[in-house]
Amino acid sequence: MAKGKKSVWFKILVIAGILFILAGIYVGYKAYTGWKGNVSLNGRKMRSFYIRTGATFADVKDSMTAGQILKNIKSFEWLADYKDYTNHVRPGKYLITDGMSNNDLINMLKTGRQEPVKLVFNNVRTKYQLAGKISKQLEADSASILKVLNDSHYLSKFGFTTDNAIVVFIPDTYEMYWNTSPTQLFEKMNASYKKFWSKDRMDKANKAGLTPIQIEILASIVQEETAQFSEMSTIAGLYLNRLNKGMKLEADPTVKFAVGDFTIKRVLKRHLEVESPYNTYKVTGLPPGPICFPDPRVIDKTLDYEKHDYIYMCAKEDFSGFHNFARTAAEHAANARKYQNALNLHNIK
């Protein structure tokens, strides 16, 4: 080979070697920046990061940038592309810790290792209030949750109606993922409902002559009648007595539910005249659905109802929250007069 040709090839090899070394340095630098700590939370140890259903990698980058979570967005973008996260974005609520590396962050997001949400829905009376409270804790909005709770065809597959399906939402703390869909939510709640209704509780319901749904409807009335746990079983027994005798329940809380005004302090004749399947002064038997979401303890108090002969009750005139119970209409009339007089004395309309 001629001396000139050798010189050209030598130069080519030198250049190629330099380029190879530079490429190695570049890849090494990218790897280093990818694996070193890149998350900065401005003094916080951790924070939640949300990725909505249908979000793209561009959306993730925008959220990271807007939240000032990363020191270097470019290194995150490079490693995300290298690990093919850009095509595998998973929605959810993720717990990001200060100092986390790009590699750990991307692995968490790509595999969908979410932080579960503690779902709580206490102190609600209607499905609309329930949907509103849940929508503040999960990704699903209240409209999409209500759509499921008002879908008679879907609910019939589980043996429920649009009136009674909310019995599956027994107040407690439930763990689930933030991006749980409304149908997944209902199915998870139904599974918990089935576990709640153990053989022991089922046996007690059968003994009372009621289904689990009916027990929860009755428990919802008991819960709205009193905050005193000591008399809940007495009240449950009273309403069972009326049911067994074919008498109307005549429960004031059902009237408030029918009217849609839970602030009513004194139920008047005009309230009793409202036409509604929930007005137990108008209809015989239990209403078609619960009038609140009864606490599990109230459900158990209802299952452990007290056996007695009471068929009437009236709030005590001392406004203690307790009730006077009666076996006869005459006894009840006397109790009612005392309470009405107390209302008038305190100018409660």
Protein backbone atom coordinates (compact mmCIF):
# COMPACT_ATOMS: atom_id res chain seq x y z
CA MET A 1 0.00 0.00 0.00
CA ALA A 2 1.32 3.41 -0.87
CA LYS A 3 2.53 5.67 1.88
CA GLY A 4 -0.16 8.28 1.05
CA LYS A 5 -2.98 5.78 1.35
CA LYS A 6 -1.66 4.56 4.73
CA SER A 7 -1.67 8.11 5.99
CA VAL A 8 -5.30 8.64 4.93
CA TRP A 9 -6.47 5.44 6.62
CA PHE A 10 -4.55 6.33 9.76
CA LYS A 11 -6.30 9.69 9.91
CA ILE A 12 -9.67 8.01 9.37
CA LEU A 13 -9.01 5.57 12.20
CA VAL A 14 -7.89 8.36 14.52
CA ILE A 15 -11.00 10.41 13.76
CA ALA A 16 -13.23 7.35 14.19
CA GLY A 17 -11.53 6.60 17.51
CA ILE A 18 -12.06 10.15 18.71
CA LEU A 19 -15.70 10.07 17.67
CA PHE A 20 -16.16 6.73 19.44
CA ILE A 21 -14.61 8.14 22.61
CA LEU A 22 -16.79 11.25 22.41
CA ALA A 23 -19.88 9.12 21.87
CA GLY A 24 -18.93 7.04 24.88
CA ILE A 25 -18.45 10.17 26.97
CA TYR A 26 -21.83 11.50 25.79
CA VAL A 27 -23.63 8.24 26.58
CA GLY A 28 -21.82 8.02 29.89
CA TYR A 29 -22.83 11.56 30.76
CA LYS A 30 -26.44 10.89 29.82
CA ALA A 31 -26.43 7.72 31.87
CA TYR A 32 -24.91 9.57 34.81
CA THR A 33 -27.46 12.38 34.63
CA GLY A 34 -30.19 9.80 34.17
CA TRP A 35 -29.28 7.78 37.25
CA LYS A 36 -28.30 10.59 39.62
CA GLY A 37 -30.82 12.44 41.76
CA ASN A 38 -32.88 14.80 39.63
CA VAL A 39 -36.06 15.35 41.69
CA SER A 40 -36.10 18.55 43.74
CA LEU A 41 -39.14 19.30 45.90
CA ASN A 42 -38.00 22.62 47.36
CA GLY A 43 -37.58 21.45 50.93
CA ARG A 44 -40.42 18.89 50.95
CA LYS A 45 -39.57 15.24 51.49
CA MET A 46 -42.30 13.95 49.19
CA ARG A 47 -45.32 14.97 47.18
CA SER A 48 -48.09 13.35 45.15
CA PHE A 49 -47.97 13.55 41.37
CA TYR A 50 -51.13 12.92 39.33
CA ILE A 51 -51.34 11.61 35.76
CA ARG A 52 -54.85 11.69 34.31
CA THR A 53 -56.31 8.90 32.20
CA GLY A 54 -55.41 9.45 28.54
CA ALA A 55 -52.42 11.67 29.33
CA THR A 56 -49.43 11.62 26.95
CA PHE A 57 -45.74 11.91 27.72
CA ALA A 58 -45.95 15.56 26.68
CA ASP A 59 -48.62 16.05 29.37
CA VAL A 60 -46.35 14.40 31.94
CA LYS A 61 -43.46 16.69 30.97
CA ASP A 62 -45.69 19.75 31.16
CA SER A 63 -46.87 18.76 34.66
CA MET A 64 -43.31 18.11 35.79
CA THR A 65 -42.25 21.50 34.45
CA ALA A 66 -45.22 23.37 35.90
CA GLY A 67 -44.67 21.74 39.29
CA GLN A 68 -40.91 22.50 39.17
CA ILE A 69 -40.22 18.92 40.14
CA LEU A 70 -37.10 18.22 38.08
CA LYS A 71 -33.74 19.97 38.06
CA ASN A 72 -33.10 18.91 34.46
CA ILE A 73 -36.09 18.09 32.27
CA LYS A 74 -33.87 17.20 29.30
CA SER A 75 -32.11 14.35 31.11
CA PHE A 76 -35.50 13.00 32.22
CA GLU A 77 -36.76 13.22 28.64
CA TRP A 78 -33.66 11.43 27.28
CA LEU A 79 -33.90 8.51 29.70
CA ALA A 80 -37.68 8.27 29.27
CA ASP A 81 -37.14 7.87 25.54
CA TYR A 82 -34.29 5.40 26.07
CA LYS A 83 -36.44 3.25 28.43
CA ASP A 84 -39.50 3.61 26.12
CA TYR A 85 -41.61 5.26 28.82
CA THR A 86 -42.81 7.80 26.27
CA ASN A 87 -45.08 5.09 24.81
CA HIS A 88 -46.13 3.56 28.13
CA VAL A 89 -47.66 6.38 30.18
CA ARG A 90 -49.89 5.03 32.95
CA PRO A 91 -52.44 7.18 34.80
CA GLY A 92 -52.55 7.34 38.58
CA LYS A 93 -51.41 9.03 41.75
CA TYR A 94 -47.69 8.60 42.37
CA LEU A 95 -45.58 9.42 45.41
CA ILE A 96 -42.41 11.27 44.39
CA THR A 97 -39.60 11.69 46.92
CA ASP A 98 -36.96 14.41 47.05
CA GLY A 99 -33.66 13.39 45.46
CA MET A 100 -35.22 10.57 43.41
CA SER A 101 -33.25 9.71 40.27
CA ASN A 102 -34.66 9.81 36.77
CA ASN A 103 -34.24 6.05 36.58
CA ASP A 104 -36.25 5.35 39.76
CA LEU A 105 -38.88 7.90 38.77
CA ILE A 106 -39.35 6.50 35.28
CA ASN A 107 -39.41 2.90 36.52
CA MET A 108 -42.16 3.84 38.98
CA LEU A 109 -44.23 5.68 36.39
CA LYS A 110 -43.75 3.08 33.63
CA THR A 111 -44.76 0.13 35.83
CA GLY A 112 -47.67 2.05 37.37
CA ARG A 113 -46.54 1.70 41.00
CA GLN A 114 -49.17 4.02 42.44
CA GLU A 115 -49.82 5.34 45.91
CA PRO A 116 -53.27 4.04 47.01
CA VAL A 117 -55.93 6.52 48.05
CA LYS A 118 -57.74 6.23 51.39
CA LEU A 119 -61.35 6.71 50.30
CA VAL A 120 -63.70 8.02 53.01
CA PHE A 121 -67.36 9.09 52.66
CA ASN A 122 -68.96 9.70 56.04
CA ASN A 123 -71.86 12.05 56.82
CA VAL A 124 -73.69 11.86 53.49
CA ARG A 125 -77.40 11.24 52.91
CA THR A 126 -77.95 11.10 49.16
CA LYS A 127 -76.24 9.54 46.15
CA TYR A 128 -75.58 13.07 44.88
CA GLN A 129 -73.69 14.00 48.04
CA LEU A 130 -71.85 10.67 47.83
CA ALA A 131 -70.76 11.28 44.23
CA GLY A 132 -69.58 14.78 45.14
CA LYS A 133 -67.50 13.56 48.07
CA ILE A 134 -65.93 10.68 46.13
CA SER A 135 -65.09 12.91 43.15
CA LYS A 136 -62.91 15.01 45.46
CA GLN A 137 -60.82 11.95 46.29
CA LEU A 138 -60.68 10.04 42.98
CA GLU A 139 -60.12 11.02 39.35
CA ALA A 140 -63.74 10.27 38.35
CA ASP A 141 -66.07 13.26 38.41
CA SER A 142 -69.44 13.24 40.15
CA ALA A 143 -71.38 13.07 36.87
CA SER A 144 -69.66 9.84 35.80
CA ILE A 145 -70.23 8.29 39.24
CA LEU A 146 -73.91 9.25 39.18
CA LYS A 147 -74.25 7.82 35.69
CA VAL A 148 -73.36 4.37 37.08
CA LEU A 149 -75.60 4.76 40.14
CA ASN A 150 -78.51 5.72 37.85
CA ASP A 151 -77.92 2.95 35.30
CA SER A 152 -80.74 0.49 36.06
CA HIS A 153 -79.53 -2.07 33.50
CA TYR A 154 -76.00 -2.15 34.91
CA LEU A 155 -77.17 -2.27 38.55
CA SER A 156 -79.65 -5.08 37.85
CA LYS A 157 -76.69 -7.37 37.10
CA PHE A 158 -75.80 -7.12 40.79
CA GLY A 159 -79.37 -7.40 42.06
CA PHE A 160 -79.86 -3.69 42.82
CA THR A 161 -82.10 -0.86 41.69
CA THR A 162 -81.29 2.82 41.26
CA ASP A 163 -82.98 3.43 44.63
CA ASN A 164 -81.16 0.84 46.74
CA ALA A 165 -77.77 0.37 45.04
CA ILE A 166 -76.12 2.80 47.45
CA VAL A 167 -76.37 0.18 50.22
CA VAL A 168 -73.03 -1.17 48.95
CA PHE A 169 -71.37 2.06 50.14
CA ILE A 170 -71.06 1.18 53.81
CA PRO A 171 -69.19 4.05 55.54
CA ASP A 172 -65.60 3.08 56.28
CA THR A 173 -62.12 3.78 54.97
CA TYR A 174 -61.36 1.98 51.71
CA GLU A 175 -58.04 1.70 49.89
CA MET A 176 -58.07 1.97 46.10
CA TYR A 177 -56.25 3.65 43.25
CA TRP A 178 -56.93 7.27 42.33
CA ASN A 179 -57.77 6.42 38.70
CA THR A 180 -60.33 3.75 39.64
CA SER A 181 -63.22 4.09 37.17
CA PRO A 182 -66.85 4.47 38.36
CA THR A 183 -67.70 0.87 37.37
CA GLN A 184 -64.55 -0.44 39.06
CA LEU A 185 -65.49 1.60 42.12
CA PHE A 186 -68.97 0.09 42.30
CA GLU A 187 -67.64 -3.44 41.82
CA LYS A 188 -65.04 -2.96 44.56
CA MET A 189 -67.69 -1.59 46.90
CA ASN A 190 -70.00 -4.48 46.06
CA ALA A 191 -67.21 -6.93 46.92
CA SER A 192 -66.73 -5.18 50.30
CA TYR A 193 -70.51 -5.21 50.83
CA LYS A 194 -70.58 -8.99 50.33
CA LYS A 195 -67.76 -9.44 52.85
CA PHE A 196 -69.57 -7.22 55.36
CA TRP A 197 -72.65 -9.42 55.13
CA SER A 198 -71.11 -12.39 56.88
CA LYS A 199 -73.03 -15.55 57.71
CA ASP A 200 -73.69 -14.25 61.22
CA ARG A 201 -75.22 -11.01 59.93
CA MET A 202 -77.19 -12.87 57.25
CA ASP A 203 -78.62 -15.21 59.87
CA LYS A 204 -79.74 -12.25 62.00
CA ALA A 205 -81.35 -10.56 58.98
CA ASN A 206 -83.20 -13.77 58.09
CA LYS A 207 -84.38 -14.07 61.67
CA ALA A 208 -85.80 -10.54 61.46
CA GLY A 209 -87.52 -11.49 58.21
CA LEU A 210 -85.61 -8.91 56.17
CA THR A 211 -83.00 -8.92 53.43
CA PRO A 212 -79.62 -7.19 53.87
CA ILE A 213 -80.91 -4.34 51.69
CA GLN A 214 -84.00 -3.94 53.88
CA ILE A 215 -81.91 -4.05 57.06
CA GLU A 216 -79.74 -1.21 55.75
CA ILE A 217 -82.81 0.82 54.76
CA LEU A 218 -84.22 0.32 58.26
CA ALA A 219 -80.83 1.15 59.81
CA SER A 220 -80.74 4.41 57.84
CA ILE A 221 -84.04 5.43 59.45
CA VAL A 222 -82.79 4.41 62.90
CA GLN A 223 -79.62 6.48 62.41
CA GLU A 224 -81.62 9.54 61.38
CA GLU A 225 -84.00 9.12 64.33
CA THR A 226 -81.35 9.24 67.04
CA ALA A 227 -77.68 9.79 67.77
CA GLN A 228 -78.02 7.81 71.00
CA PHE A 229 -76.56 4.35 70.45
CA SER A 230 -78.16 3.10 73.67
CA GLU A 231 -81.68 3.32 72.21
CA MET A 232 -81.02 2.31 68.60
CA SER A 233 -81.90 -1.34 69.15
CA THR A 234 -85.14 -0.23 70.86
CA ILE A 235 -86.08 1.94 67.88
CA ALA A 236 -85.22 -0.86 65.44
CA GLY A 237 -87.49 -3.20 67.40
CA LEU A 238 -90.30 -0.64 67.36
CA TYR A 239 -90.21 -0.27 63.58
CA LEU A 240 -90.08 -4.04 63.14
CA ASN A 241 -93.20 -4.27 65.31
CA ARG A 242 -94.97 -1.79 63.03
CA LEU A 243 -93.83 -3.63 59.90
CA ASN A 244 -95.04 -6.95 61.27
CA LYS A 245 -98.43 -5.43 62.16
CA GLY A 246 -98.79 -3.89 58.69
CA MET A 247 -98.71 -0.39 60.14
CA LYS A 248 -97.17 2.61 58.42
CA LEU A 249 -93.75 3.46 59.88
CA GLU A 250 -94.63 7.16 60.17
CA ALA A 251 -90.97 8.06 60.59
CA ASP A 252 -90.27 11.82 60.48
CA PRO A 253 -86.77 11.42 58.95
CA THR A 254 -88.30 9.82 55.85
CA VAL A 255 -90.52 12.87 55.44
CA LYS A 256 -87.50 15.18 55.59
CA PHE A 257 -85.82 13.02 52.93
CA ALA A 258 -88.96 13.09 50.76
CA VAL A 259 -89.19 16.88 51.06
CA GLY A 260 -85.45 17.22 50.48
CA ASP A 261 -84.91 19.48 53.48
CA PHE A 262 -82.85 17.99 56.30
CA THR A 263 -82.88 21.21 58.32
CA ILE A 264 -86.56 20.85 59.27
CA LYS A 265 -86.85 20.98 63.06
CA ARG A 266 -90.59 20.54 63.27
CA VAL A 267 -92.46 18.28 60.85
CA LEU A 268 -95.76 19.96 59.97
CA LYS A 269 -98.96 18.73 58.33
CA ARG A 270 -97.93 20.19 54.97
CA HIS A 271 -94.74 18.10 55.08
CA LEU A 272 -96.74 14.94 55.79
CA GLU A 273 -98.81 15.49 52.63
CA VAL A 274 -95.88 15.30 50.19
CA GLU A 275 -96.34 12.55 47.60
CA SER A 276 -93.25 10.35 47.66
CA PRO A 277 -92.43 6.64 48.06
CA TYR A 278 -90.15 7.82 50.88
CA ASN A 279 -92.96 9.43 52.88
CA THR A 280 -93.79 6.67 55.35
CA TYR A 281 -96.81 8.61 56.56
CA LYS A 282 -98.27 8.00 53.09
CA VAL A 283 -96.94 4.54 52.15
CA THR A 284 -96.85 1.28 54.06
CA GLY A 285 -93.61 -0.61 54.54
CA LEU A 286 -90.02 0.43 54.05
CA PRO A 287 -89.06 3.13 51.54
CA PRO A 288 -87.42 1.91 48.32
CA GLY A 289 -83.92 2.89 49.43
CA PRO A 290 -81.93 4.16 52.41
CA ILE A 291 -82.35 7.78 53.51
CA CYS A 292 -78.69 8.03 54.53
CA PHE A 293 -75.60 5.83 54.60
CA PRO A 294 -75.91 3.99 57.92
CA ASP A 295 -72.82 3.46 60.03
CA PRO A 296 -71.82 -0.23 60.35
CA ARG A 297 -72.43 0.04 64.09
CA VAL A 298 -76.02 1.17 63.44
CA ILE A 299 -76.54 -1.73 61.06
CA ASP A 300 -75.42 -4.09 63.83
CA LYS A 301 -77.69 -2.33 66.35
CA THR A 302 -80.56 -2.86 63.93
CA LEU A 303 -79.69 -6.54 63.51
CA ASP A 304 -79.58 -6.86 67.30
CA TYR A 305 -83.02 -5.23 67.62
CA GLU A 306 -84.74 -5.26 71.00
CA LYS A 307 -87.85 -7.38 71.41
CA HIS A 308 -90.65 -5.42 73.11
CA ASP A 309 -94.24 -4.23 72.57
CA TYR A 310 -93.57 -0.57 71.68
CA ILE A 311 -95.17 0.77 68.52
CA TYR A 312 -94.96 4.52 69.20
CA MET A 313 -92.10 6.89 69.91
CA CYS A 314 -91.72 10.61 70.44
CA ALA A 315 -88.72 12.81 71.18
CA LYS A 316 -88.35 13.66 74.85
CA GLU A 317 -89.46 17.12 75.87
CA ASP A 318 -86.04 17.88 77.41
CA PHE A 319 -84.40 17.86 73.93
CA SER A 320 -81.82 15.38 75.19
CA GLY A 321 -81.97 13.42 71.94
CA PHE A 322 -83.64 10.48 73.67
CA HIS A 323 -87.21 9.28 73.12
CA ASN A 324 -90.30 8.32 75.06
CA PHE A 325 -91.70 4.98 73.93
CA ALA A 326 -95.32 3.85 74.15
CA ARG A 327 -97.42 0.76 73.61
CA THR A 328 -100.78 2.50 73.15
CA ALA A 329 -102.08 5.47 71.22
CA ALA A 330 -103.18 7.13 74.46
CA GLU A 331 -99.68 6.89 75.96
CA HIS A 332 -98.20 8.25 72.75
CA ALA A 333 -100.65 11.16 72.65
CA ALA A 334 -99.59 12.18 76.15
CA ASN A 335 -95.90 12.02 75.19
CA ALA A 336 -96.57 13.96 72.00
CA ARG A 337 -98.37 16.75 73.91
CA LYS A 338 -95.38 17.17 76.21
CA TYR A 339 -93.03 17.46 73.24
CA GLN A 340 -95.32 19.84 71.32
CA ASN A 341 -95.61 22.06 74.38
CA ALA A 342 -91.81 22.12 74.69
CA LEU A 343 -91.49 23.12 71.03
CA ASN A 344 -94.01 25.91 71.50
CA LEU A 345 -92.29 27.09 74.67
CA HIS A 346 -88.98 27.41 72.81
CA ASN A 347 -90.68 28.94 69.77
CA ILE A 348 -89.47 26.16 67.48
CA LYS A 349 -91.53 26.33 64.27
